[in-house]
Protein backbone atom coordinates (compact mmCIF):
# COMPACT_ATOMS: atom_id res chain seq x y z
CA MET A 1 -25.30 8.39 57.94
CA ARG A 2 -24.25 5.76 60.47
CA ARG A 3 -25.04 2.13 59.84
CA ALA A 4 -27.53 0.51 62.20
CA GLY A 5 -25.75 -1.07 65.11
CA ALA A 6 -22.59 0.99 64.53
CA ILE A 7 -23.46 3.69 67.10
CA ILE A 8 -21.07 3.78 70.00
CA SER A 9 -20.87 6.21 72.91
CA GLU A 10 -18.16 8.87 73.05
CA ALA A 11 -16.72 7.21 76.17
CA ALA A 12 -16.44 3.84 74.42
CA ALA A 13 -15.00 5.46 71.29
CA ALA A 14 -12.31 7.13 73.41
CA ILE A 15 -11.09 3.71 74.53
CA GLN A 16 -9.83 3.06 71.00
CA PHE A 17 -6.45 4.78 70.76
CA ALA A 18 -5.65 6.26 67.36
CA VAL A 19 -1.92 6.08 66.64
CA PRO A 20 -0.93 9.71 65.95
CA ASP A 21 2.44 9.06 64.37
CA HIS A 22 3.47 5.76 62.79
CA SER A 23 7.07 6.93 62.53
CA ARG A 24 7.79 6.84 66.27
CA PRO A 25 7.20 4.31 69.07
CA LEU A 26 4.01 4.47 71.11
CA SER A 27 4.09 6.32 74.42
CA PHE A 28 2.25 4.40 77.15
CA ALA A 29 2.26 7.53 79.30
CA GLU A 30 0.38 9.25 76.47
CA ILE A 31 -2.08 6.38 76.00
CA PHE A 32 -2.85 5.78 79.68
CA GLY A 33 -1.73 8.95 81.40
CA ARG A 34 0.63 7.02 83.68
CA SER A 35 3.74 4.82 83.56
CA VAL A 36 3.25 1.40 85.17
CA PRO A 37 3.95 -2.20 84.01
CA ALA A 38 2.12 -2.98 80.77
CA GLU A 39 0.64 -6.11 79.23
CA VAL A 40 -0.43 -6.51 75.59
CA ASP A 41 -3.14 -8.81 74.22
CA LEU A 42 -2.30 -9.54 70.58
CA GLY A 43 -5.49 -10.21 68.64
CA CYS A 44 -7.68 -9.31 71.60
CA GLY A 45 -10.97 -10.31 69.93
CA ASP A 46 -14.05 -9.07 71.78
CA GLY A 47 -11.96 -7.84 74.71
CA ALA A 48 -13.34 -10.29 77.30
CA PHE A 49 -9.91 -11.58 78.36
CA LEU A 50 -8.33 -8.11 78.31
CA THR A 51 -11.16 -6.58 80.34
CA ALA A 52 -10.99 -9.33 82.96
CA LEU A 53 -7.23 -8.87 83.32
CA ALA A 54 -7.58 -5.10 83.64
CA GLU A 55 -10.28 -5.49 86.31
CA GLU A 56 -8.13 -7.91 88.32
CA HIS A 57 -4.97 -5.80 88.06
CA PRO A 58 -5.74 -2.07 88.24
CA GLU A 59 -2.06 -1.46 89.00
CA ARG A 60 -1.14 -2.40 85.42
CA ASN A 61 -1.91 -1.01 81.96
CA TYR A 62 -3.49 -3.27 79.32
CA LEU A 63 -3.33 -2.67 75.59
CA GLY A 64 -5.35 -4.80 73.16
CA ILE A 65 -4.56 -4.93 69.45
CA GLU A 66 -7.22 -6.19 67.05
CA LYS A 67 -7.73 -5.80 63.30
CA LEU A 68 -11.50 -6.37 62.96
CA PHE A 69 -13.75 -3.35 63.51
CA GLY A 70 -16.67 -5.33 64.96
CA ARG A 71 -14.48 -6.87 67.64
CA ILE A 72 -12.92 -3.51 68.48
CA ARG A 73 -16.38 -2.00 68.88
CA THR A 74 -17.49 -4.83 71.18
CA GLY A 75 -14.28 -4.54 73.19
CA CYS A 76 -14.70 -0.79 73.63
CA LYS A 77 -18.25 -1.24 74.93
CA ARG A 78 -17.10 -3.98 77.30
CA ILE A 79 -14.32 -1.82 78.74
CA GLU A 80 -16.70 1.15 79.06
CA ARG A 81 -19.26 -0.91 80.99
CA ALA A 82 -16.53 -2.01 83.39
CA GLU A 83 -15.52 1.65 83.83
CA LEU A 84 -11.85 0.83 83.33
CA THR A 85 -9.17 3.46 82.83
CA ASN A 86 -6.29 0.99 82.48
CA ALA A 87 -7.43 -0.72 79.24
CA ARG A 88 -7.15 0.65 75.71
CA LEU A 89 -7.51 -0.82 72.22
CA ILE A 90 -5.74 -0.20 68.93
CA ARG A 91 -7.22 -1.29 65.62
CA ALA A 92 -4.26 -2.54 63.60
CA ASP A 93 -2.27 -5.57 62.44
CA PHE A 94 -0.56 -6.61 65.64
CA ALA A 95 2.56 -8.00 63.96
CA GLN A 96 3.21 -4.54 62.50
CA VAL A 97 2.57 -2.82 65.81
CA VAL A 98 4.96 -5.12 67.69
CA ALA A 99 7.65 -4.79 65.02
CA SER A 100 7.46 -1.02 64.57
CA LEU A 101 5.57 0.80 67.32
CA LEU A 102 6.29 -0.82 70.69
CA PRO A 103 9.31 0.65 72.50
CA ALA A 104 12.16 -1.71 73.31
CA GLU A 105 11.94 -3.36 76.74
CA SER A 106 8.58 -1.75 77.53
CA ILE A 107 6.18 -4.71 77.93
CA HIS A 108 5.98 -7.10 80.89
CA VAL A 109 3.61 -9.68 79.39
CA PHE A 110 2.34 -10.56 75.90
CA HIS A 111 -0.75 -12.72 75.40
CA ILE A 112 -1.64 -14.51 72.15
CA MET A 113 -4.97 -16.22 72.76
CA PHE A 114 -6.26 -18.74 70.21
CA PRO A 115 -4.71 -17.36 67.01
CA ASP A 116 -6.27 -18.57 63.76
CA PRO A 117 -4.48 -21.90 63.11
CA TRP A 118 -4.89 -21.86 59.31
CA PRO A 119 -4.71 -25.68 59.27
CA LYS A 120 -4.60 -26.14 55.49
CA ARG A 121 -1.04 -26.33 54.19
CA ARG A 122 -1.66 -23.77 51.45
CA HIS A 123 -2.82 -21.24 54.06
CA GLN A 124 -0.13 -21.75 56.69
CA GLN A 125 1.91 -18.77 55.49
CA ARG A 126 -0.88 -16.63 56.96
CA ARG A 127 -0.16 -17.77 60.52
CA VAL A 128 0.69 -14.91 62.82
CA VAL A 129 3.06 -16.82 65.11
CA THR A 130 6.37 -16.74 63.24
CA PRO A 131 10.07 -16.52 64.11
CA GLU A 132 9.91 -12.85 63.08
CA LEU A 133 7.08 -12.14 65.52
CA PHE A 134 8.94 -13.92 68.32
CA GLY A 135 11.98 -11.74 67.56
CA SER A 136 9.89 -8.55 67.72
CA ILE A 137 8.24 -9.67 70.96
CA GLU A 138 11.62 -10.43 72.53
CA LYS A 139 12.81 -6.90 71.76
CA ALA A 140 9.69 -5.33 73.26
CA LEU A 141 9.72 -7.44 76.44
CA VAL A 142 11.52 -6.37 79.58
CA SER A 143 14.14 -8.77 80.92
CA LYS A 144 12.34 -11.87 82.26
CA GLY A 145 9.11 -10.67 80.64
CA VAL A 146 6.56 -13.34 79.70
CA LEU A 147 4.99 -14.53 76.44
CA HIS A 148 1.78 -16.54 76.85
CA VAL A 149 0.39 -18.47 73.84
CA VAL A 150 -2.82 -20.52 74.01
CA THR A 151 -4.42 -22.64 71.28
CA ASP A 152 -6.97 -25.44 70.93
CA GLU A 153 -5.12 -26.92 67.93
CA ARG A 154 -2.45 -29.52 68.73
CA GLU A 155 -0.74 -29.05 65.36
CA TYR A 156 -0.51 -25.30 65.97
CA TYR A 157 0.90 -25.95 69.41
CA GLN A 158 3.58 -28.10 67.78
CA HIS A 159 4.17 -25.31 65.26
CA VAL A 160 4.93 -22.92 68.13
CA LEU A 161 7.27 -25.44 69.80
CA LYS A 162 9.10 -25.93 66.50
CA ILE A 163 9.75 -22.20 66.27
CA LEU A 164 11.05 -22.21 69.83
CA LYS A 165 13.64 -24.84 69.01
CA GLY A 166 15.25 -22.38 66.63
CA THR A 167 15.50 -19.48 69.06
CA PRO A 168 17.61 -19.02 72.21
CA LEU A 169 15.56 -16.01 73.28
CA PHE A 170 13.13 -17.67 75.70
CA GLU A 171 12.90 -20.34 78.36
CA SER A 172 9.81 -22.25 79.43
CA THR A 173 8.12 -21.07 82.61
CA SER A 174 4.88 -21.78 84.40
CA ILE A 175 1.93 -19.58 85.27
CA PRO A 176 -0.79 -21.11 87.44
CA GLU A 177 -3.70 -21.77 85.08
CA GLU A 178 -6.21 -20.45 87.57
CA SER A 179 -4.34 -17.12 87.77
CA LEU A 180 -5.60 -16.07 84.33
CA PRO A 181 -9.18 -15.34 83.29
CA ARG A 182 -10.77 -17.22 80.39
CA SER A 183 -11.31 -15.63 77.02
CA THR A 184 -14.58 -16.10 75.13
CA PHE A 185 -12.92 -18.66 72.85
CA GLU A 186 -11.37 -20.57 75.75
CA GLN A 187 -14.67 -20.88 77.58
CA ARG A 188 -16.31 -22.10 74.37
CA PHE A 189 -13.68 -24.79 73.84
CA ILE A 190 -13.79 -25.88 77.50
CA ASP A 191 -17.58 -26.17 77.35
CA ALA A 192 -17.19 -28.36 74.24
CA GLY A 193 -14.64 -30.59 76.00
CA ASP A 194 -11.82 -29.62 73.63
CA PRO A 195 -8.19 -29.78 74.84
CA ILE A 196 -6.33 -26.53 75.48
CA TYR A 197 -2.59 -26.22 74.77
CA ARG A 198 -0.50 -23.57 76.51
CA VAL A 199 3.00 -22.25 75.97
CA ARG A 200 4.43 -19.93 78.62
CA LEU A 201 7.84 -18.43 78.02
CA ARG A 202 10.13 -16.06 79.86
CA LYS A 203 12.59 -13.80 78.08
CA LEU A 204 16.13 -14.72 78.94
CA PRO A 205 18.29 -11.95 80.40
CA ASP A 206 20.79 -10.51 77.94
CA PRO A 207 24.22 -11.93 78.92
CA ARG A 208 25.87 -8.87 77.39
CA LYS A 209 24.41 -6.80 80.24
CA GLY A 210 26.11 -8.94 82.85
CA PHE A 211 24.74 -9.64 86.29
CA ALA A 212 22.91 -6.31 86.39
CA SER A 213 20.07 -7.85 84.32
CA GLN A 214 19.78 -10.92 86.56
């Protein structure tokens, strides 16, 4: 028997992609039925940001990865209402997906929007933004692909910058703030007058590939 409030239409349920084989990389042609530039929202929450991006850019594919069932359900309903065919969700730990399931040089943009800052020192090992995650993201990004991190916590922002100092994989870049939609969390923080900190990075071309990658 289904729990009250857990009912979801077949169309919305189809938006959640079930990984058929965890031993091989994901196929975006299989997920979306086409091969075009792809963006990934890591920890996509209720899908508001992902849905807005997919509506604005029908020429791209958008994959959201979220661990919590309730947020996945809300995101599926949101995508269904917008009648989008270029947005899909996976329920999983995104660090594992990036490390093991995304093909090398397959993603044009990664978004990490307001990750849990775990401010207490004893909890900081739970933070998702780590040197290991940055390494996995770099492998999955195409040359000159972009990583976009947003947080409302200054200390977490400094945590991200500290990680960057130890890696030669990225360079800072700029994306016009108005070019991106606002997530549910971002709008909430803006309404409360809280500061927003942004890190925008571009993957450096691999020098071993010579001028062909420039």
